Full PDB file with SEQRES, HELIX, SHEET, SSBOND, CRYST1, ORIGX, SCALE, CONECT and MASTER records, all heavy atoms in Angstrom:
SEQRES   1 A   42  ASP MET GLU GLN MET GLU ASN ILE SER ALA HIS LEU SER          
SEQRES   2 A   42  GLU LYS ALA ALA GLU TYR ALA GLU GLN LEU PRO ILE PRO          
SEQRES   3 A   42  PRO HIS THR ASP PRO GLU GLY LYS GLU LEU LEU CYS LEU          
SEQRES   4 A   42  ASN LEU TYR                                                  
HELIX    1 AA1 MET A    2  GLN A    4  5                                   3    
HELIX    2 AA2 ILE A    8  GLU A   21  1                                  14    
CRYST1    1.000    1.000    1.000  90.00  90.00  90.00 P 1           1          
ORIGX1      1.000000  0.000000  0.000000        0.00000                         
ORIGX2      0.000000  1.000000  0.000000        0.00000                         
ORIGX3      0.000000  0.000000  1.000000        0.00000                         
SCALE1      1.000000  0.000000  0.000000        0.00000                         
SCALE2      0.000000  1.000000  0.000000        0.00000                         
SCALE3      0.000000  0.000000  1.000000        0.00000                         
ATOM      1  N   ASP A   1       6.680  25.926  -3.966  1.00  0.00           N  
ATOM      2  CA  ASP A   1       5.961  24.711  -3.403  1.00  0.00           C  
ATOM      3  C   ASP A   1       6.607  23.490  -3.862  1.00  0.00           C  
ATOM      4  O   ASP A   1       6.933  22.546  -3.070  1.00  0.00           O  
ATOM      5  CB  ASP A   1       4.553  24.757  -3.839  1.00  0.00           C  
ATOM      6  CG  ASP A   1       3.726  25.745  -3.157  1.00  0.00           C  
ATOM      7  OD1 ASP A   1       4.066  26.198  -2.014  1.00  0.00           O  
ATOM      8  OD2 ASP A   1       2.608  26.177  -3.707  1.00  0.00           O  
ATOM      9  N   MET A   2       6.818  23.338  -5.180  1.00  0.00           N  
ATOM     10  CA  MET A   2       7.454  22.118  -5.764  1.00  0.00           C  
ATOM     11  C   MET A   2       8.850  21.900  -5.342  1.00  0.00           C  
ATOM     12  O   MET A   2       9.272  20.805  -5.323  1.00  0.00           O  
ATOM     13  CB  MET A   2       7.220  22.175  -7.212  1.00  0.00           C  
ATOM     14  CG  MET A   2       5.743  21.957  -7.696  1.00  0.00           C  
ATOM     15  SD  MET A   2       5.541  21.712  -9.431  1.00  0.00           S  
ATOM     16  CE  MET A   2       5.612  23.390  -9.973  1.00  0.00           C  
ATOM     17  N   GLU A   3       9.590  22.973  -5.002  1.00  0.00           N  
ATOM     18  CA  GLU A   3      10.896  22.803  -4.625  1.00  0.00           C  
ATOM     19  C   GLU A   3      11.036  22.032  -3.191  1.00  0.00           C  
ATOM     20  O   GLU A   3      12.021  21.376  -2.943  1.00  0.00           O  
ATOM     21  CB  GLU A   3      11.712  24.131  -4.591  1.00  0.00           C  
ATOM     22  CG  GLU A   3      12.005  24.708  -5.886  1.00  0.00           C  
ATOM     23  CD  GLU A   3      12.637  26.030  -5.824  1.00  0.00           C  
ATOM     24  OE1 GLU A   3      12.411  26.791  -4.827  1.00  0.00           O  
ATOM     25  OE2 GLU A   3      13.299  26.435  -6.814  1.00  0.00           O  
ATOM     26  N   GLN A   4      10.039  22.287  -2.407  1.00  0.00           N  
ATOM     27  CA  GLN A   4      10.159  21.644  -1.024  1.00  0.00           C  
ATOM     28  C   GLN A   4       9.157  20.446  -0.908  1.00  0.00           C  
ATOM     29  O   GLN A   4       9.105  19.827   0.157  1.00  0.00           O  
ATOM     30  CB  GLN A   4       9.724  22.664  -0.045  1.00  0.00           C  
ATOM     31  CG  GLN A   4       8.275  23.190  -0.051  1.00  0.00           C  
ATOM     32  CD  GLN A   4       7.869  24.132   1.017  1.00  0.00           C  
ATOM     33  OE1 GLN A   4       8.069  23.771   2.206  1.00  0.00           O  
ATOM     34  NE2 GLN A   4       7.343  25.276   0.726  1.00  0.00           N  
ATOM     35  N   MET A   5       8.631  20.004  -1.991  1.00  0.00           N  
ATOM     36  CA  MET A   5       7.742  18.892  -1.952  1.00  0.00           C  
ATOM     37  C   MET A   5       8.435  17.496  -1.975  1.00  0.00           C  
ATOM     38  O   MET A   5       9.315  17.278  -2.783  1.00  0.00           O  
ATOM     39  CB  MET A   5       6.674  18.935  -3.084  1.00  0.00           C  
ATOM     40  CG  MET A   5       5.690  20.008  -2.887  1.00  0.00           C  
ATOM     41  SD  MET A   5       4.556  20.204  -4.243  1.00  0.00           S  
ATOM     42  CE  MET A   5       3.492  18.746  -3.978  1.00  0.00           C  
ATOM     43  N   GLU A   6       8.030  16.654  -1.030  1.00  0.00           N  
ATOM     44  CA  GLU A   6       8.614  15.365  -0.963  1.00  0.00           C  
ATOM     45  C   GLU A   6       8.024  14.527  -2.186  1.00  0.00           C  
ATOM     46  O   GLU A   6       6.876  14.729  -2.574  1.00  0.00           O  
ATOM     47  CB  GLU A   6       8.195  14.612   0.323  1.00  0.00           C  
ATOM     48  CG  GLU A   6       8.605  13.251   0.430  1.00  0.00           C  
ATOM     49  CD  GLU A   6      10.166  13.024   0.657  1.00  0.00           C  
ATOM     50  OE1 GLU A   6      10.737  14.071   1.126  1.00  0.00           O  
ATOM     51  OE2 GLU A   6      10.624  12.003   0.427  1.00  0.00           O  
ATOM     52  N   ASN A   7       8.862  13.693  -2.819  1.00  0.00           N  
ATOM     53  CA  ASN A   7       8.456  12.899  -3.914  1.00  0.00           C  
ATOM     54  C   ASN A   7       7.721  11.687  -3.379  1.00  0.00           C  
ATOM     55  O   ASN A   7       8.371  10.642  -3.133  1.00  0.00           O  
ATOM     56  CB  ASN A   7       9.655  12.514  -4.731  1.00  0.00           C  
ATOM     57  CG  ASN A   7       9.242  11.799  -6.048  1.00  0.00           C  
ATOM     58  OD1 ASN A   7       8.139  11.334  -6.108  1.00  0.00           O  
ATOM     59  ND2 ASN A   7      10.239  11.593  -6.931  1.00  0.00           N  
ATOM     60  N   ILE A   8       6.382  11.717  -3.162  1.00  0.00           N  
ATOM     61  CA  ILE A   8       5.697  10.698  -2.567  1.00  0.00           C  
ATOM     62  C   ILE A   8       5.546   9.495  -3.581  1.00  0.00           C  
ATOM     63  O   ILE A   8       5.143   8.417  -3.120  1.00  0.00           O  
ATOM     64  CB  ILE A   8       4.273  11.130  -2.059  1.00  0.00           C  
ATOM     65  CG1 ILE A   8       3.365  11.719  -3.203  1.00  0.00           C  
ATOM     66  CG2 ILE A   8       4.439  12.075  -0.846  1.00  0.00           C  
ATOM     67  CD1 ILE A   8       2.012  11.992  -2.737  1.00  0.00           C  
ATOM     68  N   SER A   9       5.719   9.746  -4.853  1.00  0.00           N  
ATOM     69  CA  SER A   9       5.846   8.631  -5.756  1.00  0.00           C  
ATOM     70  C   SER A   9       6.831   7.605  -5.473  1.00  0.00           C  
ATOM     71  O   SER A   9       6.686   6.441  -5.535  1.00  0.00           O  
ATOM     72  CB  SER A   9       6.036   9.145  -7.224  1.00  0.00           C  
ATOM     73  OG  SER A   9       4.887   9.821  -7.625  1.00  0.00           O  
ATOM     74  N   ALA A  10       7.974   8.113  -4.989  1.00  0.00           N  
ATOM     75  CA  ALA A  10       9.118   7.201  -4.624  1.00  0.00           C  
ATOM     76  C   ALA A  10       8.754   6.359  -3.384  1.00  0.00           C  
ATOM     77  O   ALA A  10       8.951   5.194  -3.366  1.00  0.00           O  
ATOM     78  CB  ALA A  10      10.375   7.992  -4.323  1.00  0.00           C  
ATOM     79  N   HIS A  11       8.046   6.975  -2.415  1.00  0.00           N  
ATOM     80  CA  HIS A  11       7.565   6.325  -1.224  1.00  0.00           C  
ATOM     81  C   HIS A  11       6.513   5.274  -1.531  1.00  0.00           C  
ATOM     82  O   HIS A  11       6.442   4.182  -1.053  1.00  0.00           O  
ATOM     83  CB  HIS A  11       7.072   7.262  -0.200  1.00  0.00           C  
ATOM     84  CG  HIS A  11       8.123   8.166   0.391  1.00  0.00           C  
ATOM     85  ND1 HIS A  11       9.086   7.734   1.194  1.00  0.00           N  
ATOM     86  CD2 HIS A  11       8.305   9.500   0.172  1.00  0.00           C  
ATOM     87  CE1 HIS A  11       9.920   8.693   1.424  1.00  0.00           C  
ATOM     88  NE2 HIS A  11       9.504   9.855   0.936  1.00  0.00           N  
ATOM     89  N   LEU A  12       5.633   5.663  -2.547  1.00  0.00           N  
ATOM     90  CA  LEU A  12       4.632   4.717  -2.988  1.00  0.00           C  
ATOM     91  C   LEU A  12       5.240   3.463  -3.627  1.00  0.00           C  
ATOM     92  O   LEU A  12       4.760   2.346  -3.336  1.00  0.00           O  
ATOM     93  CB  LEU A  12       3.635   5.435  -3.875  1.00  0.00           C  
ATOM     94  CG  LEU A  12       2.461   4.637  -4.430  1.00  0.00           C  
ATOM     95  CD1 LEU A  12       1.230   5.533  -4.527  1.00  0.00           C  
ATOM     96  CD2 LEU A  12       2.702   4.040  -5.796  1.00  0.00           C  
ATOM     97  N   SER A  13       6.330   3.632  -4.440  1.00  0.00           N  
ATOM     98  CA  SER A  13       6.869   2.512  -5.062  1.00  0.00           C  
ATOM     99  C   SER A  13       7.558   1.631  -4.056  1.00  0.00           C  
ATOM    100  O   SER A  13       7.507   0.388  -4.188  1.00  0.00           O  
ATOM    101  CB  SER A  13       7.908   3.047  -6.171  1.00  0.00           C  
ATOM    102  OG  SER A  13       7.297   3.665  -7.145  1.00  0.00           O  
ATOM    103  N   GLU A  14       8.182   2.253  -3.073  1.00  0.00           N  
ATOM    104  CA  GLU A  14       8.797   1.481  -2.007  1.00  0.00           C  
ATOM    105  C   GLU A  14       7.843   0.695  -1.262  1.00  0.00           C  
ATOM    106  O   GLU A  14       8.050  -0.509  -0.916  1.00  0.00           O  
ATOM    107  CB  GLU A  14       9.566   2.404  -1.022  1.00  0.00           C  
ATOM    108  CG  GLU A  14      10.848   3.027  -1.703  1.00  0.00           C  
ATOM    109  CD  GLU A  14      11.376   4.074  -0.727  1.00  0.00           C  
ATOM    110  OE1 GLU A  14      10.870   4.265   0.344  1.00  0.00           O  
ATOM    111  OE2 GLU A  14      12.401   4.735  -1.145  1.00  0.00           O  
ATOM    112  N   LYS A  15       6.694   1.329  -0.901  1.00  0.00           N  
ATOM    113  CA  LYS A  15       5.618   0.559  -0.124  1.00  0.00           C  
ATOM    114  C   LYS A  15       4.994  -0.570  -1.057  1.00  0.00           C  
ATOM    115  O   LYS A  15       4.760  -1.572  -0.509  1.00  0.00           O  
ATOM    116  CB  LYS A  15       4.521   1.646   0.200  1.00  0.00           C  
ATOM    117  CG  LYS A  15       3.469   1.034   1.104  1.00  0.00           C  
ATOM    118  CD  LYS A  15       3.974   0.595   2.481  1.00  0.00           C  
ATOM    119  CE  LYS A  15       4.414   1.783   3.306  1.00  0.00           C  
ATOM    120  NZ  LYS A  15       4.795   1.350   4.679  1.00  0.00           N  
ATOM    121  N   ALA A  16       4.889  -0.281  -2.295  1.00  0.00           N  
ATOM    122  CA  ALA A  16       4.303  -1.340  -3.157  1.00  0.00           C  
ATOM    123  C   ALA A  16       5.309  -2.569  -3.275  1.00  0.00           C  
ATOM    124  O   ALA A  16       4.857  -3.727  -3.250  1.00  0.00           O  
ATOM    125  CB  ALA A  16       4.174  -0.744  -4.614  1.00  0.00           C  
ATOM    126  N   ALA A  17       6.573  -2.342  -3.289  1.00  0.00           N  
ATOM    127  CA  ALA A  17       7.605  -3.438  -3.276  1.00  0.00           C  
ATOM    128  C   ALA A  17       7.509  -4.186  -1.960  1.00  0.00           C  
ATOM    129  O   ALA A  17       7.565  -5.458  -1.994  1.00  0.00           O  
ATOM    130  CB  ALA A  17       8.990  -2.878  -3.448  1.00  0.00           C  
ATOM    131  N   GLU A  18       7.297  -3.485  -0.867  1.00  0.00           N  
ATOM    132  CA  GLU A  18       7.104  -4.110   0.386  1.00  0.00           C  
ATOM    133  C   GLU A  18       5.876  -5.043   0.388  1.00  0.00           C  
ATOM    134  O   GLU A  18       5.882  -6.132   0.925  1.00  0.00           O  
ATOM    135  CB  GLU A  18       7.003  -3.094   1.499  1.00  0.00           C  
ATOM    136  CG  GLU A  18       6.753  -3.591   2.904  1.00  0.00           C  
ATOM    137  CD  GLU A  18       6.549  -2.467   3.885  1.00  0.00           C  
ATOM    138  OE1 GLU A  18       7.154  -1.309   3.696  1.00  0.00           O  
ATOM    139  OE2 GLU A  18       5.706  -2.568   4.794  1.00  0.00           O  
ATOM    140  N   TYR A  19       4.781  -4.494  -0.054  1.00  0.00           N  
ATOM    141  CA  TYR A  19       3.520  -5.253  -0.129  1.00  0.00           C  
ATOM    142  C   TYR A  19       3.618  -6.422  -1.032  1.00  0.00           C  
ATOM    143  O   TYR A  19       2.924  -7.450  -0.809  1.00  0.00           O  
ATOM    144  CB  TYR A  19       2.395  -4.289  -0.530  1.00  0.00           C  
ATOM    145  CG  TYR A  19       1.901  -3.310   0.473  1.00  0.00           C  
ATOM    146  CD1 TYR A  19       0.949  -2.346   0.128  1.00  0.00           C  
ATOM    147  CD2 TYR A  19       2.392  -3.290   1.737  1.00  0.00           C  
ATOM    148  CE1 TYR A  19       0.513  -1.359   1.086  1.00  0.00           C  
ATOM    149  CE2 TYR A  19       2.014  -2.365   2.653  1.00  0.00           C  
ATOM    150  CZ  TYR A  19       1.036  -1.439   2.306  1.00  0.00           C  
ATOM    151  OH  TYR A  19       0.598  -0.520   3.274  1.00  0.00           O  
ATOM    152  N   ALA A  20       4.359  -6.317  -2.066  1.00  0.00           N  
ATOM    153  CA  ALA A  20       4.414  -7.485  -3.048  1.00  0.00           C  
ATOM    154  C   ALA A  20       5.114  -8.577  -2.344  1.00  0.00           C  
ATOM    155  O   ALA A  20       4.871  -9.760  -2.718  1.00  0.00           O  
ATOM    156  CB  ALA A  20       5.267  -6.983  -4.272  1.00  0.00           C  
ATOM    157  N   GLU A  21       6.062  -8.298  -1.401  1.00  0.00           N  
ATOM    158  CA  GLU A  21       6.683  -9.486  -0.598  1.00  0.00           C  
ATOM    159  C   GLU A  21       5.823 -10.036   0.411  1.00  0.00           C  
ATOM    160  O   GLU A  21       5.710 -11.207   0.687  1.00  0.00           O  
ATOM    161  CB  GLU A  21       8.036  -8.916  -0.034  1.00  0.00           C  
ATOM    162  CG  GLU A  21       9.049  -8.667  -1.075  1.00  0.00           C  
ATOM    163  CD  GLU A  21      10.392  -8.285  -0.429  1.00  0.00           C  
ATOM    164  OE1 GLU A  21      10.539  -8.364   0.824  1.00  0.00           O  
ATOM    165  OE2 GLU A  21      11.322  -7.923  -1.145  1.00  0.00           O  
ATOM    166  N   GLN A  22       5.030  -9.094   1.116  1.00  0.00           N  
ATOM    167  CA  GLN A  22       4.162  -9.564   2.186  1.00  0.00           C  
ATOM    168  C   GLN A  22       2.920  -8.681   2.152  1.00  0.00           C  
ATOM    169  O   GLN A  22       2.960  -7.513   2.380  1.00  0.00           O  
ATOM    170  CB  GLN A  22       4.865  -9.463   3.524  1.00  0.00           C  
ATOM    171  CG  GLN A  22       3.985  -9.661   4.703  1.00  0.00           C  
ATOM    172  CD  GLN A  22       4.377 -10.804   5.620  1.00  0.00           C  
ATOM    173  OE1 GLN A  22       5.538 -11.175   5.630  1.00  0.00           O  
ATOM    174  NE2 GLN A  22       3.481 -11.374   6.335  1.00  0.00           N  
ATOM    175  N   LEU A  23       1.801  -9.288   2.056  1.00  0.00           N  
ATOM    176  CA  LEU A  23       0.515  -8.505   2.006  1.00  0.00           C  
ATOM    177  C   LEU A  23       0.272  -8.030   3.329  1.00  0.00           C  
ATOM    178  O   LEU A  23       0.342  -8.714   4.318  1.00  0.00           O  
ATOM    179  CB  LEU A  23      -0.604  -9.409   1.476  1.00  0.00           C  
ATOM    180  CG  LEU A  23      -0.557  -9.893   0.004  1.00  0.00           C  
ATOM    181  CD1 LEU A  23      -1.759 -10.731  -0.278  1.00  0.00           C  
ATOM    182  CD2 LEU A  23      -0.462  -8.765  -0.921  1.00  0.00           C  
ATOM    183  N   PRO A  24      -0.175  -6.763   3.500  1.00  0.00           N  
ATOM    184  CA  PRO A  24      -0.501  -6.181   4.776  1.00  0.00           C  
ATOM    185  C   PRO A  24      -1.811  -6.629   5.186  1.00  0.00           C  
ATOM    186  O   PRO A  24      -2.713  -7.051   4.473  1.00  0.00           O  
ATOM    187  CB  PRO A  24      -0.469  -4.609   4.487  1.00  0.00           C  
ATOM    188  CG  PRO A  24      -0.911  -4.558   3.026  1.00  0.00           C  
ATOM    189  CD  PRO A  24      -0.341  -5.755   2.357  1.00  0.00           C  
ATOM    190  N   ILE A  25      -2.067  -6.519   6.563  1.00  0.00           N  
ATOM    191  CA  ILE A  25      -3.287  -6.828   7.231  1.00  0.00           C  
ATOM    192  C   ILE A  25      -4.219  -5.705   7.239  1.00  0.00           C  
ATOM    193  O   ILE A  25      -3.784  -4.589   7.696  1.00  0.00           O  
ATOM    194  CB  ILE A  25      -3.062  -7.469   8.561  1.00  0.00           C  
ATOM    195  CG1 ILE A  25      -2.134  -8.662   8.473  1.00  0.00           C  
ATOM    196  CG2 ILE A  25      -4.462  -7.754   9.321  1.00  0.00           C  
ATOM    197  CD1 ILE A  25      -1.710  -9.232   9.843  1.00  0.00           C  
ATOM    198  N   PRO A  26      -5.439  -5.767   6.757  1.00  0.00           N  
ATOM    199  CA  PRO A  26      -6.369  -4.590   6.825  1.00  0.00           C  
ATOM    200  C   PRO A  26      -6.714  -4.213   8.312  1.00  0.00           C  
ATOM    201  O   PRO A  26      -6.866  -5.109   9.116  1.00  0.00           O  
ATOM    202  CB  PRO A  26      -7.626  -5.112   6.069  1.00  0.00           C  
ATOM    203  CG  PRO A  26      -7.612  -6.610   6.214  1.00  0.00           C  
ATOM    204  CD  PRO A  26      -6.144  -6.964   6.170  1.00  0.00           C  
ATOM    205  N   PRO A  27      -6.791  -2.946   8.550  1.00  0.00           N  
ATOM    206  CA  PRO A  27      -6.987  -2.500   9.992  1.00  0.00           C  
ATOM    207  C   PRO A  27      -8.371  -2.676  10.475  1.00  0.00           C  
ATOM    208  O   PRO A  27      -8.576  -2.800  11.730  1.00  0.00           O  
ATOM    209  CB  PRO A  27      -6.612  -1.044   9.928  1.00  0.00           C  
ATOM    210  CG  PRO A  27      -6.863  -0.586   8.496  1.00  0.00           C  
ATOM    211  CD  PRO A  27      -6.540  -1.857   7.615  1.00  0.00           C  
ATOM    212  N   HIS A  28      -9.389  -2.725   9.618  1.00  0.00           N  
ATOM    213  CA  HIS A  28     -10.765  -2.714  10.105  1.00  0.00           C  
ATOM    214  C   HIS A  28     -11.590  -3.985   9.703  1.00  0.00           C  
ATOM    215  O   HIS A  28     -12.805  -4.057  10.027  1.00  0.00           O  
ATOM    216  CB  HIS A  28     -11.541  -1.496   9.573  1.00  0.00           C  
ATOM    217  CG  HIS A  28     -10.777  -0.227   9.826  1.00  0.00           C  
ATOM    218  ND1 HIS A  28     -10.087   0.445   8.949  1.00  0.00           N  
ATOM    219  CD2 HIS A  28     -10.675   0.549  10.945  1.00  0.00           C  
ATOM    220  CE1 HIS A  28      -9.531   1.532   9.364  1.00  0.00           C  
ATOM    221  NE2 HIS A  28      -9.839   1.589  10.588  1.00  0.00           N  
ATOM    222  N   THR A  29     -11.014  -4.833   8.846  1.00  0.00           N  
ATOM    223  CA  THR A  29     -11.761  -5.907   8.325  1.00  0.00           C  
ATOM    224  C   THR A  29     -11.122  -7.368   8.718  1.00  0.00           C  
ATOM    225  O   THR A  29      -9.863  -7.437   8.527  1.00  0.00           O  
ATOM    226  CB  THR A  29     -11.851  -5.843   6.802  1.00  0.00           C  
ATOM    227  OG1 THR A  29     -12.393  -4.578   6.496  1.00  0.00           O  
ATOM    228  CG2 THR A  29     -12.619  -6.994   6.220  1.00  0.00           C  
ATOM    229  N   ASP A  30     -11.881  -8.220   9.127  1.00  0.00           N  
ATOM    230  CA  ASP A  30     -11.397  -9.588   9.401  1.00  0.00           C  
ATOM    231  C   ASP A  30     -11.375 -10.372   8.148  1.00  0.00           C  
ATOM    232  O   ASP A  30     -12.397 -10.671   7.553  1.00  0.00           O  
ATOM    233  CB  ASP A  30     -12.245 -10.278  10.464  1.00  0.00           C  
ATOM    234  CG  ASP A  30     -11.741 -11.664  10.812  1.00  0.00           C  
ATOM    235  OD1 ASP A  30     -10.713 -12.064  10.361  1.00  0.00           O  
ATOM    236  OD2 ASP A  30     -12.460 -12.349  11.581  1.00  0.00           O  
ATOM    237  N   PRO A  31     -10.157 -10.814   7.628  1.00  0.00           N  
ATOM    238  CA  PRO A  31     -10.156 -11.465   6.325  1.00  0.00           C  
ATOM    239  C   PRO A  31     -10.629 -12.872   6.412  1.00  0.00           C  
ATOM    240  O   PRO A  31     -10.770 -13.604   5.321  1.00  0.00           O  
ATOM    241  CB  PRO A  31      -8.620 -11.495   6.064  1.00  0.00           C  
ATOM    242  CG  PRO A  31      -8.018 -10.500   6.961  1.00  0.00           C  
ATOM    243  CD  PRO A  31      -8.816 -10.487   8.167  1.00  0.00           C  
ATOM    244  N   GLU A  32     -10.923 -13.405   7.561  1.00  0.00           N  
ATOM    245  CA  GLU A  32     -11.371 -14.821   7.697  1.00  0.00           C  
ATOM    246  C   GLU A  32     -12.732 -15.042   6.854  1.00  0.00           C  
ATOM    247  O   GLU A  32     -13.610 -14.320   7.034  1.00  0.00           O  
ATOM    248  CB  GLU A  32     -11.730 -15.155   9.178  1.00  0.00           C  
ATOM    249  CG  GLU A  32     -11.960 -16.574   9.445  1.00  0.00           C  
ATOM    250  CD  GLU A  32     -10.775 -17.523   9.187  1.00  0.00           C  
ATOM    251  OE1 GLU A  32      -9.600 -17.056   9.261  1.00  0.00           O  
ATOM    252  OE2 GLU A  32     -11.074 -18.674   8.887  1.00  0.00           O  
ATOM    253  N   GLY A  33     -12.615 -16.068   6.013  1.00  0.00           N  
ATOM    254  CA  GLY A  33     -13.730 -16.336   5.194  1.00  0.00           C  
ATOM    255  C   GLY A  33     -14.066 -15.490   4.000  1.00  0.00           C  
ATOM    256  O   GLY A  33     -15.062 -15.561   3.404  1.00  0.00           O  
ATOM    257  N   LYS A  34     -13.068 -14.668   3.805  1.00  0.00           N  
ATOM    258  CA  LYS A  34     -13.213 -13.710   2.588  1.00  0.00           C  
ATOM    259  C   LYS A  34     -11.991 -13.882   1.690  1.00  0.00           C  
ATOM    260  O   LYS A  34     -10.993 -14.390   1.985  1.00  0.00           O  
ATOM    261  CB  LYS A  34     -13.176 -12.231   3.104  1.00  0.00           C  
ATOM    262  CG  LYS A  34     -14.281 -11.993   4.145  1.00  0.00           C  
ATOM    263  CD  LYS A  34     -14.224 -10.597   4.680  1.00  0.00           C  
ATOM    264  CE  LYS A  34     -15.230 -10.264   5.650  1.00  0.00           C  
ATOM    265  NZ  LYS A  34     -15.056 -11.089   6.966  1.00  0.00           N  
ATOM    266  N   GLU A  35     -12.259 -13.443   0.405  1.00  0.00           N  
ATOM    267  CA  GLU A  35     -11.303 -13.553  -0.686  1.00  0.00           C  
ATOM    268  C   GLU A  35     -10.810 -12.127  -1.092  1.00  0.00           C  
ATOM    269  O   GLU A  35     -11.632 -11.198  -1.318  1.00  0.00           O  
ATOM    270  CB  GLU A  35     -11.845 -14.281  -1.924  1.00  0.00           C  
ATOM    271  CG  GLU A  35     -10.880 -14.366  -3.058  1.00  0.00           C  
ATOM    272  CD  GLU A  35     -11.513 -14.997  -4.290  1.00  0.00           C  
ATOM    273  OE1 GLU A  35     -12.563 -15.689  -4.089  1.00  0.00           O  
ATOM    274  OE2 GLU A  35     -11.044 -14.803  -5.374  1.00  0.00           O  
ATOM    275  N   LEU A  36      -9.596 -11.891  -1.124  1.00  0.00           N  
ATOM    276  CA  LEU A  36      -8.986 -10.621  -1.495  1.00  0.00           C  
ATOM    277  C   LEU A  36      -9.117 -10.362  -2.997  1.00  0.00           C  
ATOM    278  O   LEU A  36      -8.596 -11.126  -3.776  1.00  0.00           O  
ATOM    279  CB  LEU A  36      -7.500 -10.486  -1.066  1.00  0.00           C  
ATOM    280  CG  LEU A  36      -6.893  -9.162  -1.373  1.00  0.00           C  
ATOM    281  CD1 LEU A  36      -7.487  -7.991  -0.675  1.00  0.00           C  
ATOM    282  CD2 LEU A  36      -5.339  -9.210  -1.017  1.00  0.00           C  
ATOM    283  N   LEU A  37      -9.828  -9.337  -3.411  1.00  0.00           N  
ATOM    284  CA  LEU A  37     -10.046  -9.029  -4.800  1.00  0.00           C  
ATOM    285  C   LEU A  37      -9.044  -7.993  -5.243  1.00  0.00           C  
ATOM    286  O   LEU A  37      -8.472  -8.143  -6.275  1.00  0.00           O  
ATOM    287  CB  LEU A  37     -11.409  -8.472  -5.077  1.00  0.00           C  
ATOM    288  CG  LEU A  37     -12.594  -9.516  -4.855  1.00  0.00           C  
ATOM    289  CD1 LEU A  37     -13.923  -8.741  -5.022  1.00  0.00           C  
ATOM    290  CD2 LEU A  37     -12.545 -10.626  -5.890  1.00  0.00           C  
ATOM    291  N   CYS A  38      -8.826  -7.034  -4.432  1.00  0.00           N  
ATOM    292  CA  CYS A  38      -7.911  -5.819  -4.758  1.00  0.00           C  
ATOM    293  C   CYS A  38      -7.194  -5.424  -3.638  1.00  0.00           C  
ATOM    294  O   CYS A  38      -7.597  -5.390  -2.460  1.00  0.00           O  
ATOM    295  CB  CYS A  38      -8.793  -4.652  -5.250  1.00  0.00           C  
ATOM    296  SG  CYS A  38      -9.664  -4.944  -6.792  1.00  0.00           S  
ATOM    297  N   LEU A  39      -5.893  -5.069  -3.872  1.00  0.00           N  
ATOM    298  CA  LEU A  39      -5.055  -4.346  -2.901  1.00  0.00           C  
ATOM    299  C   LEU A  39      -4.274  -3.360  -3.728  1.00  0.00           C  
ATOM    300  O   LEU A  39      -3.386  -3.714  -4.521  1.00  0.00           O  
ATOM    301  CB  LEU A  39      -4.044  -5.283  -2.087  1.00  0.00           C  
ATOM    302  CG  LEU A  39      -2.979  -4.634  -1.335  1.00  0.00           C  
ATOM    303  CD1 LEU A  39      -3.663  -3.786  -0.260  1.00  0.00           C  
ATOM    304  CD2 LEU A  39      -2.092  -5.605  -0.664  1.00  0.00           C  
ATOM    305  N   ASN A  40      -4.594  -2.093  -3.477  1.00  0.00           N  
ATOM    306  CA  ASN A  40      -4.022  -1.042  -4.373  1.00  0.00           C  
ATOM    307  C   ASN A  40      -3.508   0.094  -3.473  1.00  0.00           C  
ATOM    308  O   ASN A  40      -3.988   0.429  -2.282  1.00  0.00           O  
ATOM    309  CB  ASN A  40      -5.040  -0.438  -5.304  1.00  0.00           C  
ATOM    310  CG  ASN A  40      -5.632  -1.548  -6.117  1.00  0.00           C  
ATOM    311  OD1 ASN A  40      -4.876  -2.318  -6.710  1.00  0.00           O  
ATOM    312  ND2 ASN A  40      -6.879  -1.538  -6.405  1.00  0.00           N  
ATOM    313  N   LEU A  41      -2.512   0.854  -3.995  1.00  0.00           N  
ATOM    314  CA  LEU A  41      -1.951   2.051  -3.406  1.00  0.00           C  
ATOM    315  C   LEU A  41      -2.317   3.197  -4.270  1.00  0.00           C  
ATOM    316  O   LEU A  41      -2.325   3.108  -5.490  1.00  0.00           O  
ATOM    317  CB  LEU A  41      -0.489   1.953  -3.246  1.00  0.00           C  
ATOM    318  CG  LEU A  41       0.026   0.998  -2.202  1.00  0.00           C  
ATOM    319  CD1 LEU A  41       1.320   0.418  -2.490  1.00  0.00           C  
ATOM    320  CD2 LEU A  41       0.111   1.730  -0.764  1.00  0.00           C  
ATOM    321  N   TYR A  42      -2.567   4.422  -3.619  1.00  0.00           N  
ATOM    322  CA  TYR A  42      -2.922   5.620  -4.414  1.00  0.00           C  
ATOM    323  C   TYR A  42      -2.331   6.800  -3.615  1.00  0.00           C  
ATOM    324  O   TYR A  42      -2.355   6.870  -2.451  1.00  0.00           O  
ATOM    325  CB  TYR A  42      -4.445   5.718  -4.479  1.00  0.00           C  
ATOM    326  CG  TYR A  42      -4.927   6.733  -5.391  1.00  0.00           C  
ATOM    327  CD1 TYR A  42      -4.699   6.814  -6.727  1.00  0.00           C  
ATOM    328  CD2 TYR A  42      -5.616   7.817  -4.826  1.00  0.00           C  
ATOM    329  CE1 TYR A  42      -5.179   7.817  -7.536  1.00  0.00           C  
ATOM    330  CE2 TYR A  42      -6.096   8.933  -5.638  1.00  0.00           C  
ATOM    331  CZ  TYR A  42      -5.875   8.862  -6.961  1.00  0.00           C  
ATOM    332  OH  TYR A  42      -6.285   9.867  -7.803  1.00  0.00           O  
TER     333      TYR A  42                                                      
MASTER        0    0    0    2    0    0    0    6  332    1    0    4          
END                                                                             
């Protein structure tokens, strides 16, 4: 199993670097009038 598993940690780090440059837009929530407390990847 582990021999064929993609290293998703590497993809997570790449996505985190992308988000650090430009915050993504939430798909279901209108940010208008709200303050962002947390943006996390897991």
